[in-house]
Amino acid sequence: MGTLEEPSRPVLKRLPAPVARRRLSAQAGLREVMGQFATGVTVLTAGGERAHGMTANAVTSVSLEPPMVLCCVSRAARMHEAIVTAGSYAVTVLASDQKDLAKYFADWRRPAGIAQFDSVDWTAGPQTGAPLLDGALAWLECELAEVYEGGDHSIFLGKVVASCRGTAQDSLVFYSGGYHQIDGRIRASA
């Protein structure tokens, strides 16, 4: 049986020297740095009297038992009030060919309320009534479990009450200020 060899030099000796750049405000600097973190793209939706949808990438799983996910929403966004009023929300995980949906639900000029869903194909979630957008990779429906303050955002912790995987294969991701496609056949490298 062989032994593992010690590397001849450390992989990272020290942090790299910062690149000379113009000075950014703390907010702009954080936005630029976090833009280097590739994320999936989702549309959050809430049903009910204040039905609304919003493109979001601040979504993550929290727990498998019980199944929970969270999303972060600006307290100034219409989506914030929609989730609080409904007491639930849904997450549609967008497929690579749904960039137009991502842009549509990121555009504040779209119609308000349920009318914003008139130009898209969707189904009411069986548990929450929140719109689930057709053609996606996956959907989650969540009952609002907790709300936490997070600076100028609220962190909505949701208990997953329904989930479903779609037939789409390729993922839409957001990276460095733009949308990109990830082929679902790509396998993890060793």
N, C-alpha and C. Protein backbone atom coordinates (compact mmCIF):
# COMPACT_ATOMS: atom_id res chain seq x y z
N MET A 1 0.84 -1.17 0.00
CA MET A 1 0.00 0.00 0.00
C MET A 1 0.89 1.24 0.00
N GLY A 2 0.64 2.17 -0.89
CA GLY A 2 1.47 3.36 -1.01
C GLY A 2 1.16 4.39 0.06
N THR A 3 2.03 5.36 0.18
CA THR A 3 1.81 6.45 1.13
C THR A 3 1.62 7.73 0.35
N LEU A 4 0.92 8.65 0.97
CA LEU A 4 0.74 9.96 0.35
C LEU A 4 2.02 10.75 0.46
N GLU A 5 2.40 11.38 -0.60
CA GLU A 5 3.61 12.19 -0.58
C GLU A 5 3.26 13.59 -0.11
N GLU A 6 4.15 14.15 0.68
CA GLU A 6 4.00 15.53 1.13
C GLU A 6 4.26 16.44 -0.07
N PRO A 7 3.46 17.48 -0.25
CA PRO A 7 3.76 18.40 -1.35
C PRO A 7 5.10 19.10 -1.11
N SER A 8 5.83 19.38 -2.17
CA SER A 8 7.15 20.00 -2.04
C SER A 8 7.06 21.46 -1.61
N ARG A 9 5.94 22.10 -1.86
CA ARG A 9 5.75 23.49 -1.43
C ARG A 9 4.29 23.69 -1.09
N PRO A 10 3.99 24.63 -0.22
CA PRO A 10 2.58 24.87 0.12
C PRO A 10 1.82 25.36 -1.12
N VAL A 11 0.56 25.00 -1.17
CA VAL A 11 -0.28 25.41 -2.29
C VAL A 11 -0.42 26.93 -2.31
N LEU A 12 -0.58 27.52 -1.14
CA LEU A 12 -0.74 28.97 -1.06
C LEU A 12 0.17 29.46 0.06
N LYS A 13 1.23 30.16 -0.30
CA LYS A 13 2.17 30.65 0.70
C LYS A 13 1.60 31.83 1.48
N ARG A 14 0.99 32.74 0.77
CA ARG A 14 0.40 33.93 1.39
C ARG A 14 -0.66 34.47 0.45
N LEU A 15 -1.47 35.34 0.96
CA LEU A 15 -2.49 35.93 0.11
C LEU A 15 -1.84 36.76 -0.97
N PRO A 16 -2.41 36.76 -2.17
CA PRO A 16 -1.82 37.56 -3.24
C PRO A 16 -1.93 39.05 -2.92
N ALA A 17 -0.99 39.81 -3.44
CA ALA A 17 -1.02 41.26 -3.26
C ALA A 17 -2.24 41.82 -3.97
N PRO A 18 -2.90 42.80 -3.36
CA PRO A 18 -4.07 43.36 -4.01
C PRO A 18 -3.72 44.05 -5.33
N VAL A 19 -4.59 43.92 -6.28
CA VAL A 19 -4.41 44.56 -7.58
C VAL A 19 -4.74 46.04 -7.42
N ALA A 20 -3.92 46.90 -8.03
CA ALA A 20 -4.19 48.34 -7.94
C ALA A 20 -5.50 48.65 -8.66
N ARG A 21 -6.42 49.25 -7.92
CA ARG A 21 -7.73 49.60 -8.48
C ARG A 21 -8.18 50.92 -7.90
N ARG A 22 -9.17 51.47 -8.55
CA ARG A 22 -9.77 52.68 -7.99
C ARG A 22 -10.48 52.31 -6.71
N ARG A 23 -10.56 53.23 -5.81
CA ARG A 23 -11.19 53.00 -4.51
C ARG A 23 -12.69 52.95 -4.69
N LEU A 24 -13.35 51.90 -4.18
CA LEU A 24 -14.79 51.76 -4.26
C LEU A 24 -15.40 51.96 -2.89
N SER A 25 -16.65 52.39 -2.86
CA SER A 25 -17.35 52.46 -1.59
C SER A 25 -17.49 51.04 -1.06
N ALA A 26 -17.77 50.92 0.24
CA ALA A 26 -17.93 49.59 0.83
C ALA A 26 -19.02 48.81 0.11
N GLN A 27 -20.14 49.48 -0.22
CA GLN A 27 -21.25 48.79 -0.88
C GLN A 27 -20.84 48.35 -2.29
N ALA A 28 -20.22 49.24 -3.05
CA ALA A 28 -19.80 48.88 -4.41
C ALA A 28 -18.72 47.81 -4.38
N GLY A 29 -17.81 47.89 -3.42
CA GLY A 29 -16.77 46.89 -3.28
C GLY A 29 -17.33 45.51 -2.99
N LEU A 30 -18.30 45.43 -2.08
CA LEU A 30 -18.93 44.16 -1.76
C LEU A 30 -19.65 43.61 -2.98
N ARG A 31 -20.36 44.47 -3.70
CA ARG A 31 -21.07 44.03 -4.90
C ARG A 31 -20.08 43.46 -5.93
N GLU A 32 -18.94 44.12 -6.10
CA GLU A 32 -17.94 43.66 -7.07
C GLU A 32 -17.34 42.32 -6.64
N VAL A 33 -17.01 42.20 -5.38
CA VAL A 33 -16.42 40.96 -4.88
C VAL A 33 -17.43 39.82 -4.98
N MET A 34 -18.65 40.04 -4.52
CA MET A 34 -19.66 38.98 -4.55
C MET A 34 -20.06 38.62 -5.97
N GLY A 35 -19.85 39.54 -6.92
CA GLY A 35 -20.11 39.25 -8.32
C GLY A 35 -19.21 38.15 -8.87
N GLN A 36 -18.12 37.86 -8.16
CA GLN A 36 -17.21 36.79 -8.57
C GLN A 36 -17.65 35.42 -8.06
N PHE A 37 -18.74 35.41 -7.31
CA PHE A 37 -19.29 34.17 -6.77
C PHE A 37 -20.45 33.74 -7.66
N ALA A 38 -20.27 32.68 -8.43
CA ALA A 38 -21.32 32.21 -9.33
C ALA A 38 -22.48 31.62 -8.52
N THR A 39 -23.69 31.99 -8.90
CA THR A 39 -24.87 31.49 -8.20
C THR A 39 -25.91 31.02 -9.21
N GLY A 40 -26.79 30.17 -8.75
CA GLY A 40 -27.95 29.82 -9.55
C GLY A 40 -28.88 31.02 -9.61
N VAL A 41 -29.81 30.98 -10.54
CA VAL A 41 -30.78 32.07 -10.69
C VAL A 41 -32.17 31.51 -10.42
N THR A 42 -32.91 32.21 -9.57
CA THR A 42 -34.27 31.79 -9.23
C THR A 42 -35.22 32.96 -9.41
N VAL A 43 -36.49 32.63 -9.43
CA VAL A 43 -37.53 33.65 -9.29
C VAL A 43 -38.31 33.28 -8.03
N LEU A 44 -38.33 34.21 -7.09
CA LEU A 44 -39.15 34.06 -5.89
C LEU A 44 -40.54 34.55 -6.23
N THR A 45 -41.56 33.87 -5.75
CA THR A 45 -42.94 34.30 -5.96
C THR A 45 -43.73 34.15 -4.67
N ALA A 46 -44.74 34.99 -4.56
CA ALA A 46 -45.70 34.88 -3.46
C ALA A 46 -47.07 35.05 -4.07
N GLY A 47 -48.03 34.29 -3.57
CA GLY A 47 -49.40 34.39 -4.07
C GLY A 47 -50.23 35.30 -3.18
N GLY A 48 -51.52 35.20 -3.34
CA GLY A 48 -52.42 35.97 -2.49
C GLY A 48 -52.70 37.36 -3.01
N GLU A 49 -53.19 38.20 -2.11
CA GLU A 49 -53.64 39.55 -2.49
C GLU A 49 -52.50 40.45 -2.95
N ARG A 50 -51.29 40.17 -2.56
CA ARG A 50 -50.13 40.97 -2.98
C ARG A 50 -49.18 40.12 -3.82
N ALA A 51 -49.73 39.30 -4.71
CA ALA A 51 -48.92 38.40 -5.55
C ALA A 51 -47.79 39.18 -6.21
N HIS A 52 -46.63 38.56 -6.20
CA HIS A 52 -45.47 39.25 -6.76
C HIS A 52 -44.39 38.22 -7.10
N GLY A 53 -43.50 38.58 -8.03
CA GLY A 53 -42.35 37.77 -8.38
C GLY A 53 -41.11 38.63 -8.43
N MET A 54 -39.96 38.02 -8.18
CA MET A 54 -38.70 38.76 -8.17
C MET A 54 -37.55 37.81 -8.47
N THR A 55 -36.66 38.20 -9.37
CA THR A 55 -35.46 37.43 -9.64
C THR A 55 -34.54 37.52 -8.42
N ALA A 56 -33.99 36.39 -8.02
CA ALA A 56 -33.12 36.38 -6.83
C ALA A 56 -32.04 35.32 -6.97
N ASN A 57 -30.88 35.63 -6.42
CA ASN A 57 -29.85 34.61 -6.33
C ASN A 57 -29.42 34.40 -4.88
N ALA A 58 -30.00 35.14 -3.95
CA ALA A 58 -29.70 34.98 -2.53
C ALA A 58 -30.66 33.95 -1.94
N VAL A 59 -30.50 32.72 -2.37
CA VAL A 59 -31.34 31.59 -1.96
C VAL A 59 -30.40 30.44 -1.62
N THR A 60 -30.65 29.74 -0.53
CA THR A 60 -29.81 28.60 -0.19
C THR A 60 -30.56 27.59 0.66
N SER A 61 -30.13 26.33 0.58
CA SER A 61 -30.69 25.32 1.46
C SER A 61 -30.11 25.53 2.86
N VAL A 62 -30.90 25.19 3.86
CA VAL A 62 -30.48 25.36 5.25
C VAL A 62 -30.42 24.02 5.97
N SER A 63 -31.45 23.20 5.77
CA SER A 63 -31.57 21.95 6.51
C SER A 63 -32.30 20.92 5.67
N LEU A 64 -31.87 19.66 5.81
CA LEU A 64 -32.60 18.56 5.17
C LEU A 64 -33.68 18.01 6.09
N GLU A 65 -33.47 18.08 7.41
CA GLU A 65 -34.45 17.58 8.37
C GLU A 65 -34.58 18.56 9.53
N PRO A 66 -35.62 19.35 9.57
CA PRO A 66 -36.68 19.42 8.56
C PRO A 66 -36.17 20.16 7.32
N PRO A 67 -36.80 19.93 6.18
CA PRO A 67 -36.35 20.61 4.96
C PRO A 67 -36.64 22.11 5.04
N MET A 68 -35.57 22.91 4.92
CA MET A 68 -35.70 24.36 5.01
C MET A 68 -34.78 25.04 4.01
N VAL A 69 -35.23 26.16 3.48
CA VAL A 69 -34.41 27.02 2.63
C VAL A 69 -34.59 28.45 3.10
N LEU A 70 -33.65 29.30 2.70
CA LEU A 70 -33.81 30.71 3.02
C LEU A 70 -33.65 31.54 1.76
N CYS A 71 -34.21 32.72 1.81
CA CYS A 71 -34.00 33.71 0.76
C CYS A 71 -33.82 35.06 1.45
N CYS A 72 -33.06 35.93 0.84
CA CYS A 72 -32.81 37.25 1.38
C CYS A 72 -33.43 38.28 0.43
N VAL A 73 -34.22 39.19 1.02
CA VAL A 73 -34.95 40.18 0.22
C VAL A 73 -34.79 41.55 0.87
N SER A 74 -34.51 42.55 0.06
CA SER A 74 -34.42 43.92 0.55
C SER A 74 -35.74 44.33 1.21
N ARG A 75 -35.64 45.00 2.34
CA ARG A 75 -36.86 45.46 3.01
C ARG A 75 -37.58 46.52 2.19
N ALA A 76 -36.89 47.14 1.22
CA ALA A 76 -37.52 48.15 0.36
C ALA A 76 -38.21 47.53 -0.86
N ALA A 77 -38.00 46.24 -1.11
CA ALA A 77 -38.57 45.58 -2.29
C ALA A 77 -40.04 45.22 -2.07
N ARG A 78 -40.83 45.28 -3.15
CA ARG A 78 -42.23 44.86 -3.07
C ARG A 78 -42.35 43.39 -2.67
N MET A 79 -41.34 42.59 -3.00
CA MET A 79 -41.36 41.17 -2.66
C MET A 79 -41.39 40.97 -1.16
N HIS A 80 -40.76 41.86 -0.43
CA HIS A 80 -40.71 41.74 1.03
C HIS A 80 -42.12 41.72 1.61
N GLU A 81 -42.92 42.70 1.25
CA GLU A 81 -44.29 42.77 1.75
C GLU A 81 -45.13 41.60 1.23
N ALA A 82 -44.87 41.17 0.00
CA ALA A 82 -45.63 40.05 -0.57
C ALA A 82 -45.41 38.77 0.24
N ILE A 83 -44.18 38.49 0.63
CA ILE A 83 -43.89 37.29 1.41
C ILE A 83 -44.48 37.39 2.80
N VAL A 84 -44.32 38.54 3.44
CA VAL A 84 -44.86 38.72 4.78
C VAL A 84 -46.38 38.56 4.77
N THR A 85 -47.05 39.18 3.80
CA THR A 85 -48.51 39.12 3.71
C THR A 85 -48.99 37.69 3.43
N ALA A 86 -48.34 37.00 2.51
CA ALA A 86 -48.76 35.64 2.14
C ALA A 86 -48.40 34.62 3.22
N GLY A 87 -47.33 34.88 3.96
CA GLY A 87 -46.86 33.91 4.95
C GLY A 87 -46.22 32.69 4.30
N SER A 88 -45.86 32.83 3.04
CA SER A 88 -45.26 31.73 2.28
C SER A 88 -44.59 32.31 1.05
N TYR A 89 -43.78 31.47 0.40
CA TYR A 89 -43.16 31.86 -0.87
C TYR A 89 -42.78 30.60 -1.64
N ALA A 90 -42.54 30.79 -2.93
CA ALA A 90 -42.08 29.70 -3.78
C ALA A 90 -40.78 30.11 -4.45
N VAL A 91 -40.00 29.12 -4.81
CA VAL A 91 -38.73 29.33 -5.50
C VAL A 91 -38.79 28.53 -6.79
N THR A 92 -38.62 29.21 -7.92
CA THR A 92 -38.49 28.56 -9.22
C THR A 92 -37.02 28.64 -9.60
N VAL A 93 -36.35 27.49 -9.77
CA VAL A 93 -34.95 27.44 -10.16
C VAL A 93 -34.90 27.44 -11.68
N LEU A 94 -34.35 28.52 -12.25
CA LEU A 94 -34.42 28.72 -13.69
C LEU A 94 -33.46 27.84 -14.48
N ALA A 95 -33.93 27.41 -15.64
CA ALA A 95 -33.13 26.65 -16.60
C ALA A 95 -32.36 27.61 -17.50
N SER A 96 -31.39 27.09 -18.22
CA SER A 96 -30.50 27.93 -19.03
C SER A 96 -31.22 28.74 -20.10
N ASP A 97 -32.36 28.24 -20.58
CA ASP A 97 -33.09 28.97 -21.64
C ASP A 97 -34.10 29.96 -21.06
N GLN A 98 -34.02 30.26 -19.76
CA GLN A 98 -34.99 31.16 -19.13
C GLN A 98 -34.39 32.51 -18.72
N LYS A 99 -33.34 32.92 -19.43
CA LYS A 99 -32.73 34.22 -19.15
C LYS A 99 -33.74 35.36 -19.29
N ASP A 100 -34.62 35.27 -20.28
CA ASP A 100 -35.63 36.33 -20.46
C ASP A 100 -36.55 36.44 -19.25
N LEU A 101 -36.89 35.30 -18.63
CA LEU A 101 -37.70 35.34 -17.40
C LEU A 101 -36.94 36.01 -16.27
N ALA A 102 -35.66 35.70 -16.15
CA ALA A 102 -34.84 36.33 -15.11
C ALA A 102 -34.82 37.84 -15.30
N LYS A 103 -34.62 38.28 -16.53
CA LYS A 103 -34.60 39.72 -16.80
C LYS A 103 -35.97 40.37 -16.56
N TYR A 104 -37.02 39.67 -16.97
CA TYR A 104 -38.38 40.20 -16.79
C TYR A 104 -38.69 40.43 -15.31
N PHE A 105 -38.40 39.44 -14.47
CA PHE A 105 -38.72 39.57 -13.05
C PHE A 105 -37.71 40.42 -12.28
N ALA A 106 -36.66 40.88 -12.95
CA ALA A 106 -35.73 41.84 -12.37
C ALA A 106 -36.08 43.28 -12.78
N ASP A 107 -36.99 43.43 -13.71
CA ASP A 107 -37.35 44.75 -14.26
C ASP A 107 -38.50 45.37 -13.46
N TRP A 108 -38.24 46.46 -12.79
CA TRP A 108 -39.27 47.11 -11.96
C TRP A 108 -40.40 47.70 -12.78
N ARG A 109 -40.25 47.80 -14.11
CA ARG A 109 -41.30 48.38 -14.96
C ARG A 109 -42.41 47.40 -15.32
N ARG A 110 -42.27 46.13 -14.97
CA ARG A 110 -43.32 45.16 -15.28
C ARG A 110 -44.58 45.51 -14.48
N PRO A 111 -45.72 44.98 -14.88
CA PRO A 111 -46.97 45.28 -14.14
C PRO A 111 -46.88 44.83 -12.68
N ALA A 112 -47.68 45.45 -11.86
CA ALA A 112 -47.73 45.08 -10.44
C ALA A 112 -48.75 43.97 -10.22
N GLY A 113 -48.64 43.31 -9.08
CA GLY A 113 -49.63 42.31 -8.69
C GLY A 113 -49.65 41.11 -9.61
N ILE A 114 -50.79 40.43 -9.61
CA ILE A 114 -50.94 39.19 -10.39
C ILE A 114 -50.81 39.44 -11.89
N ALA A 115 -51.04 40.69 -12.35
CA ALA A 115 -50.92 41.02 -13.78
C ALA A 115 -49.52 40.76 -14.32
N GLN A 116 -48.51 40.80 -13.48
CA GLN A 116 -47.14 40.56 -13.97
C GLN A 116 -46.95 39.12 -14.45
N PHE A 117 -47.86 38.23 -14.09
CA PHE A 117 -47.77 36.84 -14.52
C PHE A 117 -48.57 36.55 -15.78
N ASP A 118 -49.29 37.55 -16.30
CA ASP A 118 -50.12 37.36 -17.50
C ASP A 118 -49.31 36.97 -18.73
N SER A 119 -48.06 37.43 -18.82
CA SER A 119 -47.27 37.18 -20.02
C SER A 119 -46.33 35.97 -19.89
N VAL A 120 -46.45 35.21 -18.79
CA VAL A 120 -45.61 34.03 -18.60
C VAL A 120 -46.48 32.82 -18.30
N ASP A 121 -45.96 31.64 -18.60
CA ASP A 121 -46.67 30.40 -18.29
C ASP A 121 -46.34 29.97 -16.87
N TRP A 122 -47.38 29.70 -16.10
CA TRP A 122 -47.17 29.32 -14.70
C TRP A 122 -48.35 28.50 -14.19
N THR A 123 -48.12 27.86 -13.06
CA THR A 123 -49.13 27.07 -12.38
C THR A 123 -49.14 27.50 -10.92
N ALA A 124 -50.31 27.58 -10.33
CA ALA A 124 -50.39 27.90 -8.90
C ALA A 124 -49.87 26.72 -8.09
N GLY A 125 -48.97 26.99 -7.15
CA GLY A 125 -48.44 25.95 -6.29
C GLY A 125 -49.55 25.30 -5.49
N PRO A 126 -49.60 23.97 -5.44
CA PRO A 126 -50.69 23.28 -4.75
C PRO A 126 -50.73 23.54 -3.24
N GLN A 127 -49.60 23.90 -2.64
CA GLN A 127 -49.56 24.12 -1.19
C GLN A 127 -49.71 25.59 -0.80
N THR A 128 -49.11 26.50 -1.60
CA THR A 128 -49.08 27.91 -1.22
C THR A 128 -49.88 28.81 -2.15
N GLY A 129 -50.19 28.32 -3.33
CA GLY A 129 -50.86 29.16 -4.33
C GLY A 129 -49.90 30.10 -5.04
N ALA A 130 -48.64 30.12 -4.65
CA ALA A 130 -47.65 30.99 -5.30
C ALA A 130 -47.39 30.50 -6.71
N PRO A 131 -47.20 31.42 -7.66
CA PRO A 131 -46.92 31.02 -9.04
C PRO A 131 -45.61 30.23 -9.16
N LEU A 132 -45.69 29.08 -9.86
CA LEU A 132 -44.53 28.27 -10.19
C LEU A 132 -44.34 28.38 -11.70
N LEU A 133 -43.20 28.91 -12.14
CA LEU A 133 -42.98 29.20 -13.56
C LEU A 133 -42.65 27.93 -14.33
N ASP A 134 -43.31 27.76 -15.47
CA ASP A 134 -43.15 26.57 -16.31
C ASP A 134 -41.75 26.49 -16.91
N GLY A 135 -41.30 25.26 -17.19
CA GLY A 135 -40.05 25.02 -17.90
C GLY A 135 -38.79 25.10 -17.06
N ALA A 136 -38.92 25.17 -15.75
CA ALA A 136 -37.77 25.36 -14.86
C ALA A 136 -37.07 24.04 -14.53
N LEU A 137 -35.93 24.17 -13.86
CA LEU A 137 -35.19 23.00 -13.37
C LEU A 137 -35.89 22.38 -12.17
N ALA A 138 -36.44 23.24 -11.30
CA ALA A 138 -37.05 22.74 -10.06
C ALA A 138 -37.90 23.83 -9.42
N TRP A 139 -38.75 23.39 -8.48
CA TRP A 139 -39.63 24.31 -7.74
C TRP A 139 -39.65 23.90 -6.28
N LEU A 140 -39.77 24.88 -5.42
CA LEU A 140 -39.95 24.67 -3.99
C LEU A 140 -41.10 25.56 -3.53
N GLU A 141 -41.92 25.04 -2.64
CA GLU A 141 -42.93 25.86 -1.97
C GLU A 141 -42.58 25.86 -0.49
N CYS A 142 -42.64 27.03 0.11
CA CYS A 142 -42.20 27.17 1.50
C CYS A 142 -43.22 27.94 2.33
N GLU A 143 -43.47 27.45 3.54
CA GLU A 143 -44.22 28.20 4.54
C GLU A 143 -43.20 29.02 5.31
N LEU A 144 -43.52 30.27 5.55
CA LEU A 144 -42.61 31.15 6.27
C LEU A 144 -42.49 30.69 7.71
N ALA A 145 -41.27 30.34 8.13
CA ALA A 145 -41.03 29.85 9.48
C ALA A 145 -40.49 30.94 10.40
N GLU A 146 -39.54 31.72 9.91
CA GLU A 146 -38.91 32.79 10.70
C GLU A 146 -38.48 33.92 9.77
N VAL A 147 -38.38 35.11 10.33
CA VAL A 147 -37.84 36.26 9.62
C VAL A 147 -36.74 36.86 10.50
N TYR A 148 -35.56 37.03 9.92
CA TYR A 148 -34.43 37.60 10.65
C TYR A 148 -33.99 38.88 9.97
N GLU A 149 -33.52 39.83 10.77
CA GLU A 149 -32.99 41.08 10.22
C GLU A 149 -31.58 40.82 9.73
N GLY A 150 -31.27 41.34 8.56
CA GLY A 150 -29.93 41.22 8.00
C GLY A 150 -29.54 42.51 7.31
N GLY A 151 -29.23 43.53 8.08
CA GLY A 151 -28.89 44.84 7.51
C GLY A 151 -30.10 45.44 6.81
N ASP A 152 -29.96 45.78 5.53
CA ASP A 152 -31.08 46.36 4.79
C ASP A 152 -31.98 45.29 4.16
N HIS A 153 -31.73 44.03 4.48
CA HIS A 153 -32.52 42.91 3.98
C HIS A 153 -33.17 42.15 5.14
N SER A 154 -34.15 41.35 4.80
CA SER A 154 -34.68 40.36 5.73
C SER A 154 -34.30 38.99 5.21
N ILE A 155 -34.02 38.10 6.14
CA ILE A 155 -33.71 36.72 5.81
C ILE A 155 -34.97 35.91 6.12
N PHE A 156 -35.60 35.40 5.07
CA PHE A 156 -36.83 34.63 5.22
C PHE A 156 -36.47 33.14 5.26
N LEU A 157 -36.69 32.52 6.39
CA LEU A 157 -36.45 31.09 6.55
C LEU A 157 -37.76 30.38 6.28
N GLY A 158 -37.75 29.49 5.31
CA GLY A 158 -38.96 28.79 4.91
C GLY A 158 -38.88 27.30 5.12
N LYS A 159 -39.96 26.72 5.63
CA LYS A 159 -40.08 25.27 5.74
C LYS A 159 -40.62 24.77 4.41
N VAL A 160 -39.88 23.86 3.76
CA VAL A 160 -40.29 23.35 2.45
C VAL A 160 -41.50 22.43 2.64
N VAL A 161 -42.61 22.79 1.99
CA VAL A 161 -43.83 21.98 2.09
C VAL A 161 -44.09 21.21 0.80
N ALA A 162 -43.39 21.55 -0.27
CA ALA A 162 -43.50 20.82 -1.53
C ALA A 162 -42.25 21.12 -2.36
N SER A 163 -41.80 20.11 -3.12
CA SER A 163 -40.67 20.31 -4.02
C SER A 163 -40.86 19.38 -5.22
N CYS A 164 -40.33 19.82 -6.36
CA CYS A 164 -40.49 19.04 -7.58
C CYS A 164 -39.33 19.35 -8.52
N ARG A 165 -38.84 18.35 -9.19
CA ARG A 165 -37.78 18.50 -10.17
C ARG A 165 -38.41 18.54 -11.55
N GLY A 166 -37.98 19.49 -12.38
CA GLY A 166 -38.49 19.60 -13.75
C GLY A 166 -37.69 18.73 -14.70
N THR A 167 -37.99 18.84 -15.98
CA THR A 167 -37.30 18.03 -16.98
C THR A 167 -36.14 18.76 -17.64
N ALA A 168 -36.01 20.07 -17.42
CA ALA A 168 -34.88 20.81 -17.99
C ALA A 168 -33.57 20.25 -17.44
N GLN A 169 -32.51 20.35 -18.23
CA GLN A 169 -31.22 19.77 -17.84
C GLN A 169 -30.14 20.81 -17.53
N ASP A 170 -30.20 21.95 -18.18
CA ASP A 170 -29.13 22.93 -18.08
C ASP A 170 -29.53 24.10 -17.20
N SER A 171 -28.55 24.61 -16.45
CA SER A 171 -28.81 25.63 -15.44
C SER A 171 -28.42 27.03 -15.91
N LEU A 172 -29.18 28.00 -15.45
CA LEU A 172 -28.85 29.41 -15.65
C LEU A 172 -28.11 29.87 -14.40
N VAL A 173 -26.95 30.49 -14.59
CA VAL A 173 -26.18 31.02 -13.47
C VAL A 173 -25.89 32.50 -13.69
N PHE A 174 -25.62 33.18 -12.58
CA PHE A 174 -25.25 34.60 -12.63
C PHE A 174 -23.83 34.71 -12.12
N TYR A 175 -22.98 35.36 -12.93
CA TYR A 175 -21.57 35.49 -12.57
C TYR A 175 -21.01 36.75 -13.22
N SER A 176 -20.29 37.53 -12.44
CA SER A 176 -19.59 38.71 -12.95
C SER A 176 -20.52 39.65 -13.71
N GLY A 177 -21.73 39.84 -13.18
CA GLY A 177 -22.67 40.79 -13.75
C GLY A 177 -23.45 40.29 -14.95
N GLY A 178 -23.36 39.01 -15.26
CA GLY A 178 -24.08 38.51 -16.43
C GLY A 178 -24.61 37.10 -16.24
N TYR A 179 -25.52 36.72 -17.13
CA TYR A 179 -26.11 35.38 -17.11
C TYR A 179 -25.26 34.44 -17.96
N HIS A 180 -25.12 33.21 -17.49
CA HIS A 180 -24.34 32.19 -18.18
C HIS A 180 -25.08 30.86 -18.08
N GLN A 181 -24.76 29.94 -18.99
CA GLN A 181 -25.40 28.63 -18.99
C GLN A 181 -24.42 27.57 -18.52
N ILE A 182 -24.92 26.64 -17.72
CA ILE A 182 -24.14 25.50 -17.27
C ILE A 182 -24.80 24.24 -17.83
N ASP A 183 -24.02 23.46 -18.55
CA ASP A 183 -24.52 22.22 -19.13
C ASP A 183 -24.73 21.20 -18.03
N GLY A 184 -25.93 20.66 -17.92
CA GLY A 184 -26.28 19.69 -16.89
C GLY A 184 -25.52 18.38 -16.99
N ARG A 185 -24.87 18.14 -18.12
CA ARG A 185 -24.10 16.90 -18.28
C ARG A 185 -22.69 17.01 -17.73
N ILE A 186 -22.29 18.22 -17.33
CA ILE A 186 -20.96 18.42 -16.75
C ILE A 186 -20.89 17.68 -15.43
N ARG A 187 -19.85 16.97 -15.20
CA ARG A 187 -19.66 16.24 -13.95
C ARG A 187 -18.55 16.90 -13.15
N ALA A 188 -18.62 16.74 -11.87
CA ALA A 188 -17.61 17.32 -10.99
C ALA A 188 -16.23 16.77 -11.35
N SER A 189 -15.24 17.65 -11.28
CA SER A 189 -13.88 17.19 -11.53
C SER A 189 -13.23 16.82 -10.21
N ALA A 190 -12.30 15.90 -10.28
CA ALA A 190 -11.63 15.41 -9.06
C ALA A 190 -10.59 16.39 -8.59
